[in-house]
Protein backbone atom coordinates (compact mmCIF):
# COMPACT_ATOMS: atom_id res chain seq x y z
CA MET A 1 -0.10 0.17 -0.08
CA LYS A 2 3.02 2.64 0.97
CA GLU A 3 4.50 1.88 -2.49
CA VAL A 4 1.32 2.56 -4.25
CA LEU A 5 0.81 5.85 -2.62
CA GLU A 6 4.39 6.91 -3.18
CA ASN A 7 4.03 6.01 -6.62
CA PHE A 8 0.76 8.24 -6.93
CA GLU A 9 2.39 10.89 -5.01
CA ARG A 10 5.34 10.66 -7.35
CA THR A 11 3.39 11.13 -10.40
CA LEU A 12 1.62 14.15 -9.19
CA ILE A 13 4.58 15.98 -8.06
CA GLU A 14 6.30 15.11 -11.76
CA LYS A 15 3.08 16.38 -13.69
CA ALA A 16 2.73 19.37 -11.23
CA LEU A 17 6.43 20.23 -12.02
CA GLU A 18 6.04 19.47 -15.70
CA LYS A 19 2.96 21.86 -15.85
CA ALA A 20 4.76 24.82 -14.01
CA GLY A 21 7.84 24.47 -16.33
CA GLY A 22 10.08 23.09 -13.24
CA VAL A 23 9.38 26.01 -10.90
CA GLN A 24 8.71 24.53 -7.75
CA THR A 25 6.92 27.48 -6.44
CA ARG A 26 4.43 27.18 -9.00
CA ALA A 27 4.20 23.47 -8.78
CA ALA A 28 3.39 23.68 -5.05
CA GLN A 29 0.63 26.35 -5.82
CA VAL A 30 -0.81 23.89 -8.64
CA LEU A 31 -0.84 21.13 -5.48
CA GLY A 32 -2.14 23.54 -3.23
CA THR A 33 0.84 23.18 -0.91
CA THR A 34 3.73 25.18 0.14
CA ARG A 35 7.14 25.03 -1.66
CA ARG A 36 8.72 23.92 1.51
CA ILE A 37 6.70 20.97 1.93
CA LEU A 38 6.76 20.03 -1.92
CA ARG A 39 10.55 20.33 -1.44
CA TYR A 40 10.45 17.65 1.54
CA ARG A 41 8.27 15.48 -0.47
CA ILE A 42 10.86 15.84 -3.65
CA GLU A 43 13.47 14.77 -1.25
CA LYS A 44 11.94 11.98 0.43
CA LEU A 45 10.59 10.25 -2.93
CA ARG A 46 13.88 11.01 -4.53
CA ILE A 47 12.64 12.82 -7.41
CA GLN A 48 15.26 13.70 -9.89
CA LEU A 49 14.85 17.49 -10.81
CA SER A 50 16.08 18.32 -14.30
CA ASP A 51 18.19 21.82 -14.30
């Protein structure tokens, strides 16, 4: 169950980042959260960010 939730969350974050052009602040707004929380989740889920 944990793995399924993490995969779902990873997908949501990746799509939000794509929609926001990689800008974390905008992606956080899309997701209805803060940049700080988004950054925490990115690190926890080990999502690779493009430069």
